[in-house]
Amino acid sequence: MQNQITEYKVVVSDPDLLDDLLTEAEALLRPVAMVEGRVGILVTRHALGRYTVALDEAVPFGETYERTIL
């Protein structure tokens, strides 16, 4: 995964945009995950309106997991 983006930070104050922004970040990471062939995608909520969407080896390939760390 050299020179590949493996994480996006999503910061949003308008809740109406949240789903679209998270979906977009996941869609951008999906092709990178496919090339790697062994990682999934983890969406983490850090605080109200603050998320990361990242490739994660603990997530099975082809799956997206969500977690909250507050």
PDB file of N, CA and C in Angstrom:
ATOM      1  N   MET A   1       0.828  -1.198   0.000  1.00  0.00           N
ATOM      2  CA  MET A   1       0.000   0.000   0.000  1.00  0.00           C
ATOM      3  C   MET A   1       0.867   1.254   0.000  1.00  0.00           C
ATOM      4  N   GLN A   2       2.049   1.185  -0.541  1.00  0.00           N
ATOM      5  CA  GLN A   2       2.901   2.354  -0.574  1.00  0.00           C
ATOM      6  C   GLN A   2       2.267   3.449  -1.415  1.00  0.00           C
ATOM      7  N   ASN A   3       2.407   4.688  -0.943  1.00  0.00           N
ATOM      8  CA  ASN A   3       1.888   5.859  -1.645  1.00  0.00           C
ATOM      9  C   ASN A   3       0.384   5.824  -1.850  1.00  0.00           C
ATOM     10  N   GLN A   4      -0.317   5.054  -1.070  1.00  0.00           N
ATOM     11  CA  GLN A   4      -1.764   4.990  -1.129  1.00  0.00           C
ATOM     12  C   GLN A   4      -2.332   5.648   0.128  1.00  0.00           C
ATOM     13  N   ILE A   5      -3.424   6.361  -0.035  1.00  0.00           N
ATOM     14  CA  ILE A   5      -4.119   6.905   1.128  1.00  0.00           C
ATOM     15  C   ILE A   5      -4.855   5.752   1.789  1.00  0.00           C
ATOM     16  N   THR A   6      -4.652   5.598   3.091  1.00  0.00           N
ATOM     17  CA  THR A   6      -5.269   4.492   3.822  1.00  0.00           C
ATOM     18  C   THR A   6      -6.223   4.959   4.905  1.00  0.00           C
ATOM     19  N   GLU A   7      -6.401   6.285   5.028  1.00  0.00           N
ATOM     20  CA  GLU A   7      -7.292   6.821   6.054  1.00  0.00           C
ATOM     21  C   GLU A   7      -7.801   8.191   5.637  1.00  0.00           C
ATOM     22  N   TYR A   8      -9.069   8.421   5.922  1.00  0.00           N
ATOM     23  CA  TYR A   8      -9.670   9.737   5.718  1.00  0.00           C
ATOM     24  C   TYR A   8     -10.255  10.206   7.037  1.00  0.00           C
ATOM     25  N   LYS A   9     -10.097  11.466   7.318  1.00  0.00           N
ATOM     26  CA  LYS A   9     -10.743  12.086   8.469  1.00  0.00           C
ATOM     27  C   LYS A   9     -11.984  12.804   7.960  1.00  0.00           C
ATOM     28  N   VAL A  10     -13.091  12.580   8.627  1.00  0.00           N
ATOM     29  CA  VAL A  10     -14.356  13.216   8.263  1.00  0.00           C
ATOM     30  C   VAL A  10     -14.791  14.061   9.443  1.00  0.00           C
ATOM     31  N   VAL A  11     -14.893  15.363   9.207  1.00  0.00           N
ATOM     32  CA  VAL A  11     -15.358  16.296  10.225  1.00  0.00           C
ATOM     33  C   VAL A  11     -16.548  17.023   9.628  1.00  0.00           C
ATOM     34  N   VAL A  12     -17.675  16.938  10.305  1.00  0.00           N
ATOM     35  CA  VAL A  12     -18.909  17.493   9.746  1.00  0.00           C
ATOM     36  C   VAL A  12     -19.733  18.131  10.856  1.00  0.00           C
ATOM     37  N   SER A  13     -20.298  19.282  10.549  1.00  0.00           N
ATOM     38  CA  SER A  13     -21.173  19.937  11.521  1.00  0.00           C
ATOM     39  C   SER A  13     -22.641  19.847  11.098  1.00  0.00           C
ATOM     40  N   ASP A  14     -22.884  19.507   9.843  1.00  0.00           N
ATOM     41  CA  ASP A  14     -24.252  19.365   9.331  1.00  0.00           C
ATOM     42  C   ASP A  14     -24.611  17.880   9.277  1.00  0.00           C
ATOM     43  N   PRO A  15     -25.483  17.407  10.165  1.00  0.00           N
ATOM     44  CA  PRO A  15     -25.815  15.988  10.203  1.00  0.00           C
ATOM     45  C   PRO A  15     -26.402  15.461   8.891  1.00  0.00           C
ATOM     46  N   ASP A  16     -26.977  16.344   8.089  1.00  0.00           N
ATOM     47  CA  ASP A  16     -27.536  15.917   6.810  1.00  0.00           C
ATOM     48  C   ASP A  16     -26.449  15.484   5.831  1.00  0.00           C
ATOM     49  N   LEU A  17     -25.214  15.912   6.049  1.00  0.00           N
ATOM     50  CA  LEU A  17     -24.099  15.564   5.165  1.00  0.00           C
ATOM     51  C   LEU A  17     -23.324  14.339   5.633  1.00  0.00           C
ATOM     52  N   LEU A  18     -23.521  13.937   6.860  1.00  0.00           N
ATOM     53  CA  LEU A  18     -22.703  12.890   7.461  1.00  0.00           C
ATOM     54  C   LEU A  18     -22.689  11.602   6.646  1.00  0.00           C
ATOM     55  N   ASP A  19     -23.847  11.058   6.341  1.00  0.00           N
ATOM     56  CA  ASP A  19     -23.906   9.787   5.631  1.00  0.00           C
ATOM     57  C   ASP A  19     -23.213   9.876   4.275  1.00  0.00           C
ATOM     58  N   ASP A  20     -23.429  10.962   3.552  1.00  0.00           N
ATOM     59  CA  ASP A  20     -22.797  11.111   2.239  1.00  0.00           C
ATOM     60  C   ASP A  20     -21.280  11.180   2.346  1.00  0.00           C
ATOM     61  N   LEU A  21     -20.763  11.895   3.333  1.00  0.00           N
ATOM     62  CA  LEU A  21     -19.316  12.026   3.491  1.00  0.00           C
ATOM     63  C   LEU A  21     -18.667  10.715   3.913  1.00  0.00           C
ATOM     64  N   LEU A  22     -19.305   9.982   4.801  1.00  0.00           N
ATOM     65  CA  LEU A  22     -18.763   8.685   5.216  1.00  0.00           C
ATOM     66  C   LEU A  22     -18.805   7.687   4.058  1.00  0.00           C
ATOM     67  N   THR A  23     -19.884   7.704   3.305  1.00  0.00           N
ATOM     68  CA  THR A  23     -20.003   6.822   2.138  1.00  0.00           C
ATOM     69  C   THR A  23     -18.949   7.149   1.097  1.00  0.00           C
ATOM     70  N   GLU A  24     -18.696   8.425   0.884  1.00  0.00           N
ATOM     71  CA  GLU A  24     -17.670   8.837  -0.076  1.00  0.00           C
ATOM     72  C   GLU A  24     -16.280   8.383   0.367  1.00  0.00           C
ATOM     73  N   ALA A  25     -15.967   8.553   1.635  1.00  0.00           N
ATOM     74  CA  ALA A  25     -14.662   8.131   2.150  1.00  0.00           C
ATOM     75  C   ALA A  25     -14.498   6.620   2.018  1.00  0.00           C
ATOM     76  N   GLU A  26     -15.542   5.884   2.325  1.00  0.00           N
ATOM     77  CA  GLU A  26     -15.484   4.425   2.190  1.00  0.00           C
ATOM     78  C   GLU A  26     -15.287   4.028   0.728  1.00  0.00           C
ATOM     79  N   ALA A  27     -15.978   4.687  -0.175  1.00  0.00           N
ATOM     80  CA  ALA A  27     -15.849   4.390  -1.606  1.00  0.00           C
ATOM     81  C   ALA A  27     -14.439   4.681  -2.120  1.00  0.00           C
ATOM     82  N   LEU A  28     -13.791   5.700  -1.576  1.00  0.00           N
ATOM     83  CA  LEU A  28     -12.426   6.018  -1.980  1.00  0.00           C
ATOM     84  C   LEU A  28     -11.429   4.972  -1.481  1.00  0.00           C
ATOM     85  N   LEU A  29     -11.698   4.365  -0.336  1.00  0.00           N
ATOM     86  CA  LEU A  29     -10.795   3.363   0.219  1.00  0.00           C
ATOM     87  C   LEU A  29     -11.028   1.962  -0.346  1.00  0.00           C
ATOM     88  N   ARG A  30     -12.221   1.704  -0.836  1.00  0.00           N
ATOM     89  CA  ARG A  30     -12.552   0.363  -1.310  1.00  0.00           C
ATOM     90  C   ARG A  30     -11.577  -0.150  -2.377  1.00  0.00           C
ATOM     91  N   PRO A  31     -11.225   0.640  -3.416  1.00  0.00           N
ATOM     92  CA  PRO A  31     -10.270   0.124  -4.411  1.00  0.00           C
ATOM     93  C   PRO A  31      -8.885  -0.169  -3.822  1.00  0.00           C
ATOM     94  N   VAL A  32      -8.473   0.606  -2.846  1.00  0.00           N
ATOM     95  CA  VAL A  32      -7.177   0.361  -2.193  1.00  0.00           C
ATOM     96  C   VAL A  32      -7.244  -0.965  -1.437  1.00  0.00           C
ATOM     97  N   ALA A  33      -8.352  -1.201  -0.743  1.00  0.00           N
ATOM     98  CA  ALA A  33      -8.530  -2.456  -0.013  1.00  0.00           C
ATOM     99  C   ALA A  33      -8.539  -3.641  -0.978  1.00  0.00           C
ATOM    100  N   MET A  34      -9.118  -3.464  -2.148  1.00  0.00           N
ATOM    101  CA  MET A  34      -9.181  -4.547  -3.126  1.00  0.00           C
ATOM    102  C   MET A  34      -7.792  -4.900  -3.644  1.00  0.00           C
ATOM    103  N   VAL A  35      -6.949  -3.905  -3.857  1.00  0.00           N
ATOM    104  CA  VAL A  35      -5.583  -4.160  -4.307  1.00  0.00           C
ATOM    105  C   VAL A  35      -4.825  -4.921  -3.228  1.00  0.00           C
ATOM    106  N   GLU A  36      -4.994  -4.490  -1.984  1.00  0.00           N
ATOM    107  CA  GLU A  36      -4.317  -5.147  -0.869  1.00  0.00           C
ATOM    108  C   GLU A  36      -4.835  -6.574  -0.696  1.00  0.00           C
ATOM    109  N   GLY A  37      -6.160  -6.740  -0.810  1.00  0.00           N
ATOM    110  CA  GLY A  37      -6.765  -8.064  -0.768  1.00  0.00           C
ATOM    111  C   GLY A  37      -6.822  -8.758   0.577  1.00  0.00           C
ATOM    112  N   ARG A  38      -6.514  -8.053   1.649  1.00  0.00           N
ATOM    113  CA  ARG A  38      -6.546  -8.706   2.961  1.00  0.00           C
ATOM    114  C   ARG A  38      -7.013  -7.790   4.074  1.00  0.00           C
ATOM    115  N   VAL A  39      -7.451  -6.600   3.755  1.00  0.00           N
ATOM    116  CA  VAL A  39      -7.906  -5.660   4.779  1.00  0.00           C
ATOM    117  C   VAL A  39      -9.330  -5.220   4.497  1.00  0.00           C
ATOM    118  N   GLY A  40     -10.017  -4.859   5.570  1.00  0.00           N
ATOM    119  CA  GLY A  40     -11.343  -4.286   5.458  1.00  0.00           C
ATOM    120  C   GLY A  40     -11.285  -2.810   5.829  1.00  0.00           C
ATOM    121  N   ILE A  41     -12.452  -2.236   6.046  1.00  0.00           N
ATOM    122  CA  ILE A  41     -12.558  -0.815   6.340  1.00  0.00           C
ATOM    123  C   ILE A  41     -13.208  -0.639   7.707  1.00  0.00           C
ATOM    124  N   LEU A  42     -12.622   0.251   8.493  1.00  0.00           N
ATOM    125  CA  LEU A  42     -13.134   0.545   9.831  1.00  0.00           C
ATOM    126  C   LEU A  42     -13.528   2.011   9.903  1.00  0.00           C
ATOM    127  N   VAL A  43     -14.784   2.255  10.282  1.00  0.00           N
ATOM    128  CA  VAL A  43     -15.285   3.610  10.497  1.00  0.00           C
ATOM    129  C   VAL A  43     -15.343   3.825  12.003  1.00  0.00           C
ATOM    130  N   THR A  44     -14.620   4.831  12.485  1.00  0.00           N
ATOM    131  CA  THR A  44     -14.551   5.097  13.917  1.00  0.00           C
ATOM    132  C   THR A  44     -15.113   6.480  14.220  1.00  0.00           C
ATOM    133  N   ARG A  45     -16.050   6.529  15.158  1.00  0.00           N
ATOM    134  CA  ARG A  45     -16.582   7.807  15.632  1.00  0.00           C
ATOM    135  C   ARG A  45     -15.781   8.208  16.857  1.00  0.00           C
ATOM    136  N   HIS A  46     -15.135   9.369  16.768  1.00  0.00           N
ATOM    137  CA  HIS A  46     -14.304   9.851  17.869  1.00  0.00           C
ATOM    138  C   HIS A  46     -15.040  10.846  18.758  1.00  0.00           C
ATOM    139  N   ALA A  47     -15.946  11.589  18.165  1.00  0.00           N
ATOM    140  CA  ALA A  47     -16.737  12.591  18.878  1.00  0.00           C
ATOM    141  C   ALA A  47     -17.875  12.996  17.950  1.00  0.00           C
ATOM    142  N   LEU A  48     -18.746  13.819  18.449  1.00  0.00           N
ATOM    143  CA  LEU A  48     -19.842  14.304  17.619  1.00  0.00           C
ATOM    144  C   LEU A  48     -19.279  14.983  16.373  1.00  0.00           C
ATOM    145  N   GLY A  49     -19.571  14.423  15.213  1.00  0.00           N
ATOM    146  CA  GLY A  49     -19.133  15.003  13.951  1.00  0.00           C
ATOM    147  C   GLY A  49     -17.689  14.745  13.574  1.00  0.00           C
ATOM    148  N   ARG A  50     -16.978  13.870  14.315  1.00  0.00           N
ATOM    149  CA  ARG A  50     -15.561  13.580  14.019  1.00  0.00           C
ATOM    150  C   ARG A  50     -15.374  12.070  13.846  1.00  0.00           C
ATOM    151  N   TYR A  51     -14.962  11.685  12.650  1.00  0.00           N
ATOM    152  CA  TYR A  51     -14.822  10.281  12.295  1.00  0.00           C
ATOM    153  C   TYR A  51     -13.514  10.046  11.553  1.00  0.00           C
ATOM    154  N   THR A  52     -13.055   8.796  11.587  1.00  0.00           N
ATOM    155  CA  THR A  52     -12.022   8.363  10.657  1.00  0.00           C
ATOM    156  C   THR A  52     -12.568   7.143   9.921  1.00  0.00           C
ATOM    157  N   VAL A  53     -12.193   7.052   8.665  1.00  0.00           N
ATOM    158  CA  VAL A  53     -12.525   5.901   7.835  1.00  0.00           C
ATOM    159  C   VAL A  53     -11.175   5.378   7.354  1.00  0.00           C
ATOM    160  N   ALA A  54     -10.824   4.152   7.742  1.00  0.00           N
ATOM    161  CA  ALA A  54      -9.471   3.667   7.494  1.00  0.00           C
ATOM    162  C   ALA A  54      -9.450   2.189   7.135  1.00  0.00           C
ATOM    163  N   LEU A  55      -8.409   1.810   6.388  1.00  0.00           N
ATOM    164  CA  LEU A  55      -8.148   0.396   6.171  1.00  0.00           C
ATOM    165  C   LEU A  55      -7.656  -0.187   7.486  1.00  0.00           C
ATOM    166  N   ASP A  56      -8.090  -1.413   7.770  1.00  0.00           N
ATOM    167  CA  ASP A  56      -7.724  -2.022   9.044  1.00  0.00           C
ATOM    168  C   ASP A  56      -7.563  -3.527   8.858  1.00  0.00           C
ATOM    169  N   GLU A  57      -6.398  -4.050   9.234  1.00  0.00           N
ATOM    170  CA  GLU A  57      -6.131  -5.477   9.090  1.00  0.00           C
ATOM    171  C   GLU A  57      -6.995  -6.339  10.001  1.00  0.00           C
ATOM    172  N   ALA A  58      -7.553  -5.773  11.057  1.00  0.00           N
ATOM    173  CA  ALA A  58      -8.415  -6.526  11.964  1.00  0.00           C
ATOM    174  C   ALA A  58      -9.821  -6.730  11.396  1.00  0.00           C
ATOM    175  N   VAL A  59     -10.140  -6.003  10.334  1.00  0.00           N
ATOM    176  CA  VAL A  59     -11.445  -6.128   9.680  1.00  0.00           C
ATOM    177  C   VAL A  59     -11.274  -7.056   8.479  1.00  0.00           C
ATOM    178  N   PRO A  60     -12.108  -8.095   8.358  1.00  0.00           N
ATOM    179  CA  PRO A  60     -11.969  -9.016   7.241  1.00  0.00           C
ATOM    180  C   PRO A  60     -12.147  -8.315   5.890  1.00  0.00           C
ATOM    181  N   PHE A  61     -11.404  -8.788   4.908  1.00  0.00           N
ATOM    182  CA  PHE A  61     -11.493  -8.258   3.557  1.00  0.00           C
ATOM    183  C   PHE A  61     -12.946  -8.283   3.073  1.00  0.00           C
ATOM    184  N   GLY A  62     -13.369  -7.194   2.462  1.00  0.00           N
ATOM    185  CA  GLY A  62     -14.720  -7.102   1.914  1.00  0.00           C
ATOM    186  C   GLY A  62     -15.766  -6.630   2.904  1.00  0.00           C
ATOM    187  N   GLU A  63     -15.349  -6.348   4.140  1.00  0.00           N
ATOM    188  CA  GLU A  63     -16.308  -5.916   5.153  1.00  0.00           C
ATOM    189  C   GLU A  63     -15.960  -4.529   5.677  1.00  0.00           C
ATOM    190  N   THR A  64     -16.979  -3.862   6.211  1.00  0.00           N
ATOM    191  CA  THR A  64     -16.810  -2.568   6.860  1.00  0.00           C
ATOM    192  C   THR A  64     -17.381  -2.680   8.264  1.00  0.00           C
ATOM    193  N   TYR A  65     -16.582  -2.339   9.243  1.00  0.00           N
ATOM    194  CA  TYR A  65     -17.015  -2.350  10.636  1.00  0.00           C
ATOM    195  C   TYR A  65     -17.116  -0.913  11.134  1.00  0.00           C
ATOM    196  N   GLU A  66     -17.937  -0.727  12.142  1.00  0.00           N
ATOM    197  CA  GLU A  66     -18.084   0.584  12.780  1.00  0.00           C
ATOM    198  C   GLU A  66     -17.794   0.431  14.270  1.00  0.00           C
ATOM    199  N   ARG A  67     -17.185   1.490  14.841  1.00  0.00           N
ATOM    200  CA  ARG A  67     -16.986   1.502  16.291  1.00  0.00           C
ATOM    201  C   ARG A  67     -17.041   2.951  16.761  1.00  0.00           C
ATOM    202  N   THR A  68     -17.268   3.089  18.054  1.00  0.00           N
ATOM    203  CA  THR A  68     -17.316   4.410  18.681  1.00  0.00           C
ATOM    204  C   THR A  68     -16.304   4.455  19.797  1.00  0.00           C
ATOM    205  N   ILE A  69     -15.500   5.524  19.792  1.00  0.00           N
ATOM    206  CA  ILE A  69     -14.545   5.777  20.876  1.00  0.00           C
ATOM    207  C   ILE A  69     -14.841   7.206  21.359  1.00  0.00           C
ATOM    208  N   LEU A  70     -15.490   7.315  22.493  1.00  0.00           N
ATOM    209  CA  LEU A  70     -15.839   8.639  23.026  1.00  0.00           C
ATOM    210  C   LEU A  70     -15.134   8.885  24.333  1.00  0.00           C
TER     211      LEU A  70
END
